[in-house]
Amino acid sequence: MLAELRGRKINLDLSRQAEYTPENGWYADDVRRALPSEPPGDPVPSGSWETARRIARNYDFADPSIVRGFFDPDEPLENRTMLLVLHFHVLRIHVGVRVGDVYDEVRELDGRPGRLFGWNYRTLEGHVEKGQMDWQVWKLTDSGEVLFRIRSFSRPAGGGNLLVRIGFHLVGRREQLRFLRLTAERMARLTEERTGPMPTA
């Protein structure tokens, strides 16, 4: 299945991304979840930020009761094609996404300095949605706060199986919001479980 998905194209026009807003019928989400904090300054070795970064790279934050991701772990994260199995009540819907941007840089969040690691994936032809999701791990270096941020824009894609289209129209948005909430909760839990002890002042 992965080999077949690699031949599919992204099902949205990224050059029109500025138009993908709620005013034009798109969903736009921005979910933030606090993770265990660190001392101010650069990320601490084996600390919360580095731990969450590893979880993010491996797609471990996705709740497997809602979405299971399959990919070749030997394939670089950049441009990686992924098969997602969506658990939609009694249905199991197989869709494809492709990783777009991968970034690890110093950037500001709400006017505050931070260290950011993140990446996004975009929906492929045959997906029940059109859109992009960014998974971001931030450390605000002025305070030591660490957080997980999910940013996305999406809308139903149309086409495909009629039963899936009807079901997604009726409850898809509710399930989408549930996925975002549980993903953020799982990231916080896994980061806390896997983070080494913080240095003391």
N, C-alpha and C. Protein backbone atom coordinates (compact mmCIF):
# COMPACT_ATOMS: atom_id res chain seq x y z
N MET A 1 0.83 -1.21 0.00
CA MET A 1 0.00 0.00 0.00
C MET A 1 0.86 1.26 0.00
N LEU A 2 1.95 1.26 0.78
CA LEU A 2 2.83 2.43 0.81
C LEU A 2 3.41 2.72 -0.58
N ALA A 3 3.79 1.67 -1.29
CA ALA A 3 4.36 1.87 -2.62
C ALA A 3 3.35 2.54 -3.53
N GLU A 4 2.09 2.14 -3.43
CA GLU A 4 1.05 2.75 -4.27
C GLU A 4 0.82 4.20 -3.87
N LEU A 5 0.83 4.48 -2.57
CA LEU A 5 0.61 5.84 -2.10
C LEU A 5 1.71 6.79 -2.55
N ARG A 6 2.92 6.29 -2.70
CA ARG A 6 4.02 7.15 -3.12
C ARG A 6 3.78 7.74 -4.51
N GLY A 7 2.93 7.10 -5.29
CA GLY A 7 2.63 7.61 -6.61
C GLY A 7 1.51 8.63 -6.64
N ARG A 8 0.88 8.87 -5.50
CA ARG A 8 -0.24 9.82 -5.46
C ARG A 8 0.25 11.24 -5.20
N LYS A 9 -0.55 12.20 -5.68
CA LYS A 9 -0.22 13.61 -5.50
C LYS A 9 -0.98 14.18 -4.32
N ILE A 10 -0.50 15.28 -3.80
CA ILE A 10 -1.22 16.03 -2.76
C ILE A 10 -2.53 16.53 -3.36
N ASN A 11 -3.61 16.47 -2.58
CA ASN A 11 -4.93 16.80 -3.12
C ASN A 11 -5.37 18.24 -2.86
N LEU A 12 -4.41 19.13 -2.64
CA LEU A 12 -4.74 20.55 -2.48
C LEU A 12 -3.65 21.38 -3.12
N ASP A 13 -4.00 22.61 -3.44
CA ASP A 13 -3.09 23.54 -4.10
C ASP A 13 -2.42 24.40 -3.03
N LEU A 14 -1.17 24.11 -2.74
CA LEU A 14 -0.47 24.83 -1.68
C LEU A 14 -0.22 26.29 -2.03
N SER A 15 -0.24 26.63 -3.30
CA SER A 15 -0.05 28.03 -3.68
C SER A 15 -1.23 28.90 -3.27
N ARG A 16 -2.35 28.28 -2.90
CA ARG A 16 -3.55 29.02 -2.48
C ARG A 16 -3.77 28.92 -0.97
N GLN A 17 -2.72 28.58 -0.24
CA GLN A 17 -2.85 28.32 1.19
C GLN A 17 -3.45 29.50 1.96
N ALA A 18 -3.15 30.72 1.53
CA ALA A 18 -3.69 31.89 2.22
C ALA A 18 -5.21 31.96 2.15
N GLU A 19 -5.81 31.24 1.19
CA GLU A 19 -7.26 31.24 1.04
C GLU A 19 -7.94 30.20 1.92
N TYR A 20 -7.17 29.30 2.53
CA TYR A 20 -7.76 28.19 3.28
C TYR A 20 -8.08 28.64 4.70
N THR A 21 -9.14 29.41 4.83
CA THR A 21 -9.54 30.03 6.08
C THR A 21 -10.99 29.69 6.40
N PRO A 22 -11.41 29.87 7.66
CA PRO A 22 -12.82 29.62 8.00
C PRO A 22 -13.79 30.45 7.15
N GLU A 23 -13.38 31.66 6.77
CA GLU A 23 -14.25 32.50 5.95
C GLU A 23 -14.53 31.87 4.58
N ASN A 24 -13.62 31.00 4.16
CA ASN A 24 -13.78 30.33 2.86
C ASN A 24 -14.19 28.87 3.01
N GLY A 25 -14.71 28.50 4.19
CA GLY A 25 -15.24 27.16 4.38
C GLY A 25 -14.26 26.11 4.86
N TRP A 26 -13.10 26.54 5.35
CA TRP A 26 -12.11 25.61 5.87
C TRP A 26 -12.13 25.63 7.40
N TYR A 27 -11.80 24.50 8.01
CA TYR A 27 -11.57 24.46 9.45
C TYR A 27 -10.13 24.91 9.71
N ALA A 28 -9.93 25.66 10.77
CA ALA A 28 -8.58 26.06 11.18
C ALA A 28 -8.46 25.81 12.68
N ASP A 29 -7.47 25.03 13.06
CA ASP A 29 -7.30 24.65 14.46
C ASP A 29 -5.91 25.02 14.95
N ASP A 30 -5.85 25.38 16.23
CA ASP A 30 -4.58 25.71 16.89
C ASP A 30 -4.70 25.22 18.33
N VAL A 31 -4.16 24.03 18.59
CA VAL A 31 -4.25 23.39 19.89
C VAL A 31 -2.88 23.46 20.56
N ARG A 32 -2.85 23.89 21.82
CA ARG A 32 -1.59 23.96 22.58
C ARG A 32 -1.75 23.19 23.88
N ARG A 33 -0.70 22.45 24.22
CA ARG A 33 -0.71 21.67 25.46
C ARG A 33 0.64 21.83 26.15
N ALA A 34 0.60 22.23 27.42
CA ALA A 34 1.83 22.38 28.18
C ALA A 34 2.46 21.01 28.44
N LEU A 35 3.78 20.95 28.33
CA LEU A 35 4.56 19.77 28.66
C LEU A 35 5.42 20.09 29.87
N PRO A 36 6.07 19.10 30.48
CA PRO A 36 6.94 19.41 31.63
C PRO A 36 7.94 20.49 31.26
N SER A 37 8.11 21.45 32.17
CA SER A 37 8.98 22.59 31.88
C SER A 37 10.44 22.25 32.15
N GLU A 38 11.32 23.13 31.71
CA GLU A 38 12.76 23.03 31.91
C GLU A 38 13.27 24.35 32.48
N PRO A 39 14.51 24.40 32.90
CA PRO A 39 15.09 25.70 33.25
C PRO A 39 15.14 26.60 32.01
N PRO A 40 15.13 27.90 32.18
CA PRO A 40 15.26 28.79 31.03
C PRO A 40 16.55 28.52 30.26
N GLY A 41 16.56 28.93 28.99
CA GLY A 41 17.75 28.75 28.16
C GLY A 41 17.55 27.65 27.13
N ASP A 42 18.64 27.16 26.60
CA ASP A 42 18.59 26.13 25.57
C ASP A 42 17.98 24.83 26.12
N PRO A 43 17.45 23.97 25.23
CA PRO A 43 16.92 22.69 25.69
C PRO A 43 17.94 21.88 26.48
N VAL A 44 17.45 21.20 27.50
CA VAL A 44 18.28 20.37 28.38
C VAL A 44 18.45 18.99 27.76
N PRO A 45 19.66 18.43 27.73
CA PRO A 45 19.84 17.07 27.22
C PRO A 45 18.92 16.08 27.94
N SER A 46 18.22 15.28 27.16
CA SER A 46 17.25 14.28 27.68
C SER A 46 16.10 14.93 28.44
N GLY A 47 15.92 16.22 28.27
CA GLY A 47 14.83 16.91 28.95
C GLY A 47 13.52 16.83 28.20
N SER A 48 12.58 17.64 28.62
CA SER A 48 11.24 17.60 28.09
C SER A 48 11.20 17.90 26.59
N TRP A 49 11.91 18.95 26.17
CA TRP A 49 11.87 19.33 24.75
C TRP A 49 12.48 18.25 23.87
N GLU A 50 13.64 17.74 24.24
CA GLU A 50 14.27 16.69 23.43
C GLU A 50 13.43 15.42 23.42
N THR A 51 12.82 15.09 24.54
CA THR A 51 11.96 13.90 24.61
C THR A 51 10.75 14.06 23.70
N ALA A 52 10.08 15.22 23.80
CA ALA A 52 8.91 15.47 22.96
C ALA A 52 9.30 15.51 21.48
N ARG A 53 10.48 16.01 21.20
CA ARG A 53 10.96 16.04 19.82
C ARG A 53 11.07 14.63 19.26
N ARG A 54 11.61 13.70 20.03
CA ARG A 54 11.72 12.31 19.57
C ARG A 54 10.34 11.70 19.36
N ILE A 55 9.42 11.96 20.29
CA ILE A 55 8.06 11.45 20.16
C ILE A 55 7.42 11.99 18.89
N ALA A 56 7.63 13.27 18.62
CA ALA A 56 7.05 13.89 17.43
C ALA A 56 7.63 13.30 16.15
N ARG A 57 8.95 13.11 16.11
CA ARG A 57 9.59 12.57 14.91
C ARG A 57 9.05 11.17 14.58
N ASN A 58 8.76 10.40 15.62
CA ASN A 58 8.33 9.01 15.42
C ASN A 58 6.82 8.85 15.28
N TYR A 59 6.09 9.97 15.33
CA TYR A 59 4.62 9.94 15.24
C TYR A 59 4.01 9.11 16.37
N ASP A 60 4.68 9.09 17.51
CA ASP A 60 4.18 8.31 18.65
C ASP A 60 3.02 9.00 19.36
N PHE A 61 2.80 10.27 19.07
CA PHE A 61 1.76 11.01 19.79
C PHE A 61 0.35 10.66 19.34
N ALA A 62 0.19 10.06 18.17
CA ALA A 62 -1.14 9.75 17.65
C ALA A 62 -1.78 8.65 18.48
N ASP A 63 -3.01 8.86 18.91
CA ASP A 63 -3.74 7.87 19.70
C ASP A 63 -4.14 6.72 18.77
N PRO A 64 -3.60 5.50 19.00
CA PRO A 64 -3.87 4.40 18.06
C PRO A 64 -5.32 3.94 18.05
N SER A 65 -6.13 4.36 19.02
CA SER A 65 -7.55 4.02 18.98
C SER A 65 -8.30 4.86 17.94
N ILE A 66 -7.64 5.93 17.45
CA ILE A 66 -8.26 6.81 16.45
C ILE A 66 -7.51 6.76 15.13
N VAL A 67 -6.19 6.84 15.20
CA VAL A 67 -5.37 6.84 14.00
C VAL A 67 -4.13 5.98 14.24
N ARG A 68 -3.83 5.11 13.30
CA ARG A 68 -2.58 4.37 13.32
C ARG A 68 -1.79 4.74 12.07
N GLY A 69 -0.54 5.11 12.27
CA GLY A 69 0.30 5.51 11.16
C GLY A 69 1.31 4.43 10.81
N PHE A 70 1.46 4.17 9.51
CA PHE A 70 2.42 3.18 9.03
C PHE A 70 3.34 3.85 8.01
N PHE A 71 4.65 3.61 8.15
CA PHE A 71 5.63 4.21 7.26
C PHE A 71 6.91 3.40 7.35
N ASP A 72 7.79 3.65 6.41
CA ASP A 72 9.10 3.00 6.40
C ASP A 72 10.03 3.80 7.31
N PRO A 73 10.44 3.25 8.47
CA PRO A 73 11.28 4.02 9.40
C PRO A 73 12.66 4.33 8.83
N ASP A 74 13.07 3.64 7.78
CA ASP A 74 14.36 3.93 7.15
C ASP A 74 14.27 5.08 6.15
N GLU A 75 13.04 5.49 5.84
CA GLU A 75 12.83 6.60 4.92
C GLU A 75 13.00 7.91 5.69
N PRO A 76 13.74 8.89 5.15
CA PRO A 76 13.88 10.17 5.87
C PRO A 76 12.53 10.80 6.16
N LEU A 77 12.46 11.57 7.25
CA LEU A 77 11.21 12.23 7.58
C LEU A 77 10.79 13.18 6.45
N GLU A 78 11.73 13.89 5.87
CA GLU A 78 11.43 14.80 4.77
C GLU A 78 10.84 14.02 3.59
N ASN A 79 9.66 14.44 3.14
CA ASN A 79 8.96 13.84 1.99
C ASN A 79 8.49 12.41 2.25
N ARG A 80 8.47 11.98 3.51
CA ARG A 80 8.02 10.63 3.83
C ARG A 80 6.54 10.46 3.47
N THR A 81 6.20 9.35 2.87
CA THR A 81 4.80 8.99 2.61
C THR A 81 4.33 8.09 3.75
N MET A 82 3.13 8.38 4.26
CA MET A 82 2.59 7.63 5.38
C MET A 82 1.19 7.11 5.05
N LEU A 83 0.91 5.90 5.48
CA LEU A 83 -0.43 5.35 5.43
C LEU A 83 -1.07 5.55 6.80
N LEU A 84 -2.21 6.20 6.83
CA LEU A 84 -2.96 6.38 8.06
C LEU A 84 -4.21 5.52 8.00
N VAL A 85 -4.46 4.77 9.07
CA VAL A 85 -5.69 4.00 9.19
C VAL A 85 -6.57 4.73 10.20
N LEU A 86 -7.65 5.32 9.72
CA LEU A 86 -8.57 6.08 10.57
C LEU A 86 -9.63 5.14 11.12
N HIS A 87 -9.77 5.13 12.45
CA HIS A 87 -10.80 4.32 13.10
C HIS A 87 -12.03 5.21 13.23
N PHE A 88 -13.01 4.95 12.39
CA PHE A 88 -14.19 5.79 12.28
C PHE A 88 -15.41 4.94 12.60
N HIS A 89 -15.72 4.83 13.92
CA HIS A 89 -16.76 3.92 14.41
C HIS A 89 -16.40 2.50 13.96
N VAL A 90 -17.27 1.82 13.20
CA VAL A 90 -16.95 0.44 12.79
C VAL A 90 -16.09 0.40 11.54
N LEU A 91 -15.87 1.55 10.91
CA LEU A 91 -15.10 1.59 9.68
C LEU A 91 -13.61 1.74 9.95
N ARG A 92 -12.80 1.23 9.04
CA ARG A 92 -11.37 1.45 9.03
C ARG A 92 -11.05 2.06 7.67
N ILE A 93 -10.68 3.33 7.67
CA ILE A 93 -10.48 4.07 6.43
C ILE A 93 -8.98 4.24 6.20
N HIS A 94 -8.49 3.79 5.05
CA HIS A 94 -7.08 3.88 4.73
C HIS A 94 -6.85 5.12 3.85
N VAL A 95 -5.99 6.02 4.31
CA VAL A 95 -5.70 7.25 3.57
C VAL A 95 -4.20 7.50 3.59
N GLY A 96 -3.77 8.36 2.69
CA GLY A 96 -2.35 8.67 2.60
C GLY A 96 -2.05 10.13 2.86
N VAL A 97 -0.87 10.37 3.44
CA VAL A 97 -0.36 11.74 3.64
C VAL A 97 1.12 11.74 3.28
N ARG A 98 1.62 12.94 3.01
CA ARG A 98 3.05 13.07 2.72
C ARG A 98 3.63 14.21 3.53
N VAL A 99 4.79 13.96 4.13
CA VAL A 99 5.46 14.98 4.92
C VAL A 99 5.95 16.09 4.00
N GLY A 100 5.71 17.32 4.42
CA GLY A 100 6.16 18.48 3.66
C GLY A 100 7.35 19.14 4.34
N ASP A 101 7.08 20.17 5.12
CA ASP A 101 8.16 20.91 5.79
C ASP A 101 8.62 20.20 7.06
N VAL A 102 9.92 20.23 7.29
CA VAL A 102 10.54 19.79 8.54
C VAL A 102 11.44 20.93 8.99
N TYR A 103 11.30 21.37 10.26
CA TYR A 103 12.06 22.53 10.69
C TYR A 103 12.54 22.36 12.13
N ASP A 104 13.71 22.89 12.39
CA ASP A 104 14.33 22.87 13.71
C ASP A 104 15.11 24.17 13.81
N GLU A 105 14.55 25.15 14.52
CA GLU A 105 15.09 26.49 14.41
C GLU A 105 14.72 27.34 15.62
N VAL A 106 15.32 28.51 15.68
CA VAL A 106 14.96 29.52 16.66
C VAL A 106 13.89 30.40 16.03
N ARG A 107 12.78 30.59 16.78
CA ARG A 107 11.67 31.37 16.25
C ARG A 107 10.92 31.98 17.43
N GLU A 108 10.12 33.00 17.18
CA GLU A 108 9.32 33.60 18.24
C GLU A 108 7.91 33.04 18.23
N LEU A 109 7.35 32.89 19.43
CA LEU A 109 5.96 32.50 19.61
C LEU A 109 5.28 33.57 20.44
N ASP A 110 4.31 34.24 19.87
CA ASP A 110 3.61 35.33 20.57
C ASP A 110 4.59 36.37 21.09
N GLY A 111 5.61 36.67 20.29
CA GLY A 111 6.58 37.68 20.65
C GLY A 111 7.65 37.24 21.62
N ARG A 112 7.69 35.95 21.96
CA ARG A 112 8.67 35.44 22.91
C ARG A 112 9.66 34.52 22.20
N PRO A 113 10.94 34.54 22.60
CA PRO A 113 11.94 33.72 21.92
C PRO A 113 11.75 32.24 22.25
N GLY A 114 11.96 31.41 21.25
CA GLY A 114 11.78 29.98 21.48
C GLY A 114 12.61 29.13 20.55
N ARG A 115 12.77 27.89 20.93
CA ARG A 115 13.38 26.86 20.08
C ARG A 115 12.24 25.98 19.60
N LEU A 116 12.20 25.76 18.29
CA LEU A 116 11.07 25.06 17.68
C LEU A 116 11.56 23.88 16.87
N PHE A 117 10.93 22.72 17.09
CA PHE A 117 11.04 21.59 16.17
C PHE A 117 9.64 21.27 15.68
N GLY A 118 9.52 21.03 14.39
CA GLY A 118 8.20 20.68 13.88
C GLY A 118 8.25 20.11 12.48
N TRP A 119 7.12 19.58 12.08
CA TRP A 119 6.96 19.07 10.72
C TRP A 119 5.48 19.03 10.40
N ASN A 120 5.17 18.91 9.13
CA ASN A 120 3.77 18.80 8.76
C ASN A 120 3.57 17.68 7.74
N TYR A 121 2.33 17.24 7.64
CA TYR A 121 1.97 16.38 6.52
C TYR A 121 0.74 16.93 5.83
N ARG A 122 0.64 16.55 4.55
CA ARG A 122 -0.44 17.02 3.68
C ARG A 122 -1.17 15.83 3.10
N THR A 123 -2.47 16.00 2.92
CA THR A 123 -3.31 14.90 2.45
C THR A 123 -3.05 14.60 0.98
N LEU A 124 -3.16 13.31 0.65
CA LEU A 124 -2.96 12.85 -0.72
C LEU A 124 -4.29 12.54 -1.39
N GLU A 125 -4.26 12.36 -2.69
CA GLU A 125 -5.44 11.96 -3.44
C GLU A 125 -6.07 10.72 -2.82
N GLY A 126 -7.40 10.74 -2.68
CA GLY A 126 -8.11 9.62 -2.07
C GLY A 126 -8.40 9.80 -0.59
N HIS A 127 -7.81 10.82 0.03
CA HIS A 127 -8.07 11.11 1.45
C HIS A 127 -9.49 11.65 1.60
N VAL A 128 -10.10 11.42 2.76
CA VAL A 128 -11.44 11.95 3.01
C VAL A 128 -11.42 13.45 3.28
N GLU A 129 -10.22 14.00 3.51
CA GLU A 129 -10.06 15.43 3.75
C GLU A 129 -9.03 16.02 2.79
N LYS A 130 -9.04 17.34 2.72
CA LYS A 130 -7.95 18.10 2.14
C LYS A 130 -7.37 18.95 3.25
N GLY A 131 -6.05 19.00 3.37
CA GLY A 131 -5.51 19.86 4.41
C GLY A 131 -4.09 19.53 4.80
N GLN A 132 -3.66 20.20 5.84
CA GLN A 132 -2.30 20.07 6.36
C GLN A 132 -2.34 20.16 7.87
N MET A 133 -1.50 19.35 8.52
CA MET A 133 -1.33 19.42 9.97
C MET A 133 0.14 19.63 10.29
N ASP A 134 0.41 20.61 11.16
CA ASP A 134 1.75 20.86 11.67
C ASP A 134 1.82 20.39 13.12
N TRP A 135 2.86 19.62 13.41
CA TRP A 135 3.12 19.13 14.77
C TRP A 135 4.36 19.86 15.27
N GLN A 136 4.23 20.63 16.35
CA GLN A 136 5.32 21.50 16.79
C GLN A 136 5.63 21.28 18.28
N VAL A 137 6.93 21.24 18.57
CA VAL A 137 7.40 21.19 19.96
C VAL A 137 8.20 22.47 20.21
N TRP A 138 7.73 23.25 21.15
CA TRP A 138 8.33 24.55 21.47
C TRP A 138 8.99 24.53 22.84
N LYS A 139 10.11 25.24 22.96
CA LYS A 139 10.62 25.63 24.26
C LYS A 139 10.76 27.15 24.26
N LEU A 140 10.08 27.80 25.19
CA LEU A 140 10.22 29.24 25.35
C LEU A 140 11.43 29.48 26.24
N THR A 141 12.48 30.01 25.63
CA THR A 141 13.77 30.06 26.32
C THR A 141 13.83 31.10 27.43
N ASP A 142 12.90 32.05 27.44
CA ASP A 142 12.93 33.05 28.52
C ASP A 142 12.38 32.50 29.83
N SER A 143 11.51 31.47 29.74
CA SER A 143 10.87 30.95 30.95
C SER A 143 11.14 29.47 31.19
N GLY A 144 11.51 28.74 30.15
CA GLY A 144 11.67 27.29 30.27
C GLY A 144 10.41 26.51 29.98
N GLU A 145 9.32 27.19 29.67
CA GLU A 145 8.08 26.48 29.33
C GLU A 145 8.28 25.66 28.06
N VAL A 146 7.70 24.47 28.05
CA VAL A 146 7.73 23.59 26.89
C VAL A 146 6.28 23.27 26.53
N LEU A 147 5.98 23.30 25.25
CA LEU A 147 4.60 23.00 24.87
C LEU A 147 4.55 22.30 23.52
N PHE A 148 3.46 21.59 23.34
CA PHE A 148 3.15 20.90 22.09
C PHE A 148 2.04 21.69 21.42
N ARG A 149 2.24 21.97 20.15
CA ARG A 149 1.26 22.77 19.41
C ARG A 149 0.87 22.03 18.13
N ILE A 150 -0.43 21.97 17.86
CA ILE A 150 -0.94 21.40 16.62
C ILE A 150 -1.64 22.53 15.86
N ARG A 151 -1.19 22.77 14.65
CA ARG A 151 -1.85 23.75 13.79
C ARG A 151 -2.33 23.03 12.53
N SER A 152 -3.54 23.34 12.10
CA SER A 152 -4.05 22.65 10.93
C SER A 152 -5.08 23.48 10.19
N PHE A 153 -5.22 23.18 8.93
CA PHE A 153 -6.35 23.65 8.14
C PHE A 153 -6.86 22.46 7.33
N SER A 154 -8.18 22.36 7.18
CA SER A 154 -8.74 21.18 6.53
C SER A 154 -10.18 21.44 6.11
N ARG A 155 -10.64 20.56 5.22
CA ARG A 155 -12.05 20.52 4.85
C ARG A 155 -12.32 19.16 4.23
N PRO A 156 -13.58 18.69 4.23
CA PRO A 156 -13.87 17.41 3.57
C PRO A 156 -13.47 17.46 2.10
N ALA A 157 -12.98 16.33 1.60
CA ALA A 157 -12.48 16.30 0.23
C ALA A 157 -13.57 16.03 -0.79
N GLY A 158 -14.64 15.32 -0.38
CA GLY A 158 -15.65 14.92 -1.36
C GLY A 158 -15.16 13.74 -2.17
N GLY A 159 -16.04 13.16 -2.94
CA GLY A 159 -15.69 12.00 -3.75
C GLY A 159 -15.52 10.76 -2.91
N GLY A 160 -15.19 9.64 -3.55
CA GLY A 160 -14.96 8.39 -2.84
C GLY A 160 -16.25 7.70 -2.42
N ASN A 161 -16.13 6.86 -1.42
CA ASN A 161 -17.23 6.03 -0.94
C ASN A 161 -18.36 6.88 -0.37
N LEU A 162 -19.59 6.63 -0.83
CA LEU A 162 -20.74 7.43 -0.41
C LEU A 162 -20.99 7.30 1.09
N LEU A 163 -20.91 6.08 1.63
CA LEU A 163 -21.14 5.87 3.06
C LEU A 163 -20.13 6.63 3.89
N VAL A 164 -18.87 6.61 3.46
CA VAL A 164 -17.83 7.34 4.18
C VAL A 164 -18.09 8.84 4.11
N ARG A 165 -18.49 9.35 2.95
CA ARG A 165 -18.76 10.77 2.80
C ARG A 165 -19.89 11.22 3.71
N ILE A 166 -20.97 10.43 3.75
CA ILE A 166 -22.10 10.78 4.60
C ILE A 166 -21.70 10.75 6.07
N GLY A 167 -21.02 9.68 6.48
CA GLY A 167 -20.60 9.57 7.88
C GLY A 167 -19.65 10.68 8.28
N PHE A 168 -18.73 11.02 7.39
CA PHE A 168 -17.77 12.08 7.71
C PHE A 168 -18.48 13.42 7.81
N HIS A 169 -19.47 13.65 6.95
CA HIS A 169 -20.23 14.90 7.00
C HIS A 169 -20.98 15.03 8.33
N LEU A 170 -21.50 13.90 8.83
CA LEU A 170 -22.31 13.94 10.04
C LEU A 170 -21.48 14.08 11.31
N VAL A 171 -20.40 13.34 11.42
CA VAL A 171 -19.65 13.31 12.69
C VAL A 171 -18.16 13.53 12.51
N GLY A 172 -17.72 13.81 11.30
CA GLY A 172 -16.28 13.93 11.05
C GLY A 172 -15.62 15.04 11.84
N ARG A 173 -16.28 16.19 11.93
CA ARG A 173 -15.67 17.31 12.65
C ARG A 173 -15.55 16.99 14.14
N ARG A 174 -16.55 16.35 14.70
CA ARG A 174 -16.49 15.98 16.11
C ARG A 174 -15.33 15.01 16.36
N GLU A 175 -15.17 14.04 15.47
CA GLU A 175 -14.07 13.08 15.61
C GLU A 175 -12.72 13.75 15.41
N GLN A 176 -12.68 14.72 14.52
CA GLN A 176 -11.44 15.45 14.29
C GLN A 176 -11.00 16.21 15.54
N LEU A 177 -11.94 16.89 16.18
CA LEU A 177 -11.63 17.63 17.41
C LEU A 177 -11.24 16.68 18.54
N ARG A 178 -11.88 15.53 18.59
CA ARG A 178 -11.52 14.51 19.59
C ARG A 178 -10.10 14.02 19.36
N PHE A 179 -9.74 13.80 18.10
CA PHE A 179 -8.38 13.37 17.77
C PHE A 179 -7.36 14.40 18.23
N LEU A 180 -7.62 15.68 17.98
CA LEU A 180 -6.69 16.72 18.39
C LEU A 180 -6.52 16.74 19.90
N ARG A 181 -7.63 16.64 20.62
CA ARG A 181 -7.58 16.67 22.09
C ARG A 181 -6.80 15.48 22.63
N LEU A 182 -7.12 14.28 22.15
CA LEU A 182 -6.46 13.08 22.67
C LEU A 182 -4.99 13.02 22.26
N THR A 183 -4.67 13.54 21.09
CA THR A 183 -3.27 13.59 20.66
C THR A 183 -2.46 14.47 21.59
N ALA A 184 -2.99 15.64 21.92
CA ALA A 184 -2.29 16.56 22.83
C ALA A 184 -2.13 15.92 24.21
N GLU A 185 -3.16 15.24 24.68
CA GLU A 185 -3.09 14.58 25.99
C GLU A 185 -2.05 13.46 25.97
N ARG A 186 -2.02 12.70 24.89
CA ARG A 186 -1.07 11.59 24.80
C ARG A 186 0.37 12.11 24.75
N MET A 187 0.59 13.18 24.00
CA MET A 187 1.93 13.76 23.96
C MET A 187 2.38 14.19 25.35
N ALA A 188 1.50 14.83 26.11
CA ALA A 188 1.86 15.28 27.46
C ALA A 188 2.19 14.09 28.34
N ARG A 189 1.38 13.04 28.26
CA ARG A 189 1.60 11.86 29.10
C ARG A 189 2.91 11.16 28.75
N LEU A 190 3.15 10.93 27.46
CA LEU A 190 4.37 10.25 27.04
C LEU A 190 5.61 11.06 27.38
N THR A 191 5.54 12.37 27.20
CA THR A 191 6.69 13.21 27.52
C THR A 191 7.02 13.13 29.00
N GLU A 192 6.00 13.19 29.84
CA GLU A 192 6.24 13.11 31.28
C GLU A 192 6.82 11.76 31.67
N GLU A 193 6.32 10.68 31.05
CA GLU A 193 6.81 9.34 31.38
C GLU A 193 8.26 9.13 30.93
N ARG A 194 8.65 9.75 29.83
CA ARG A 194 9.95 9.46 29.24
C ARG A 194 11.04 10.49 29.52
N THR A 195 10.67 11.59 30.17
CA THR A 195 11.64 12.65 30.43
C THR A 195 12.53 12.30 31.61
N GLY A 196 13.82 12.53 31.45
CA GLY A 196 14.75 12.31 32.55
C GLY A 196 14.60 13.40 33.59
N PRO A 197 15.23 13.25 34.76
CA PRO A 197 15.10 14.26 35.82
C PRO A 197 15.73 15.58 35.39
N MET A 198 15.07 16.67 35.73
CA MET A 198 15.56 18.00 35.41
C MET A 198 16.69 18.40 36.37
N PRO A 199 17.67 19.12 35.84
CA PRO A 199 18.75 19.60 36.74
C PRO A 199 18.20 20.59 37.74
N THR A 200 18.75 20.59 38.93
CA THR A 200 18.32 21.54 39.97
C THR A 200 19.24 22.75 39.95
N ALA A 201 18.71 23.87 40.40
CA ALA A 201 19.49 25.11 40.42
C ALA A 201 20.59 25.04 41.45
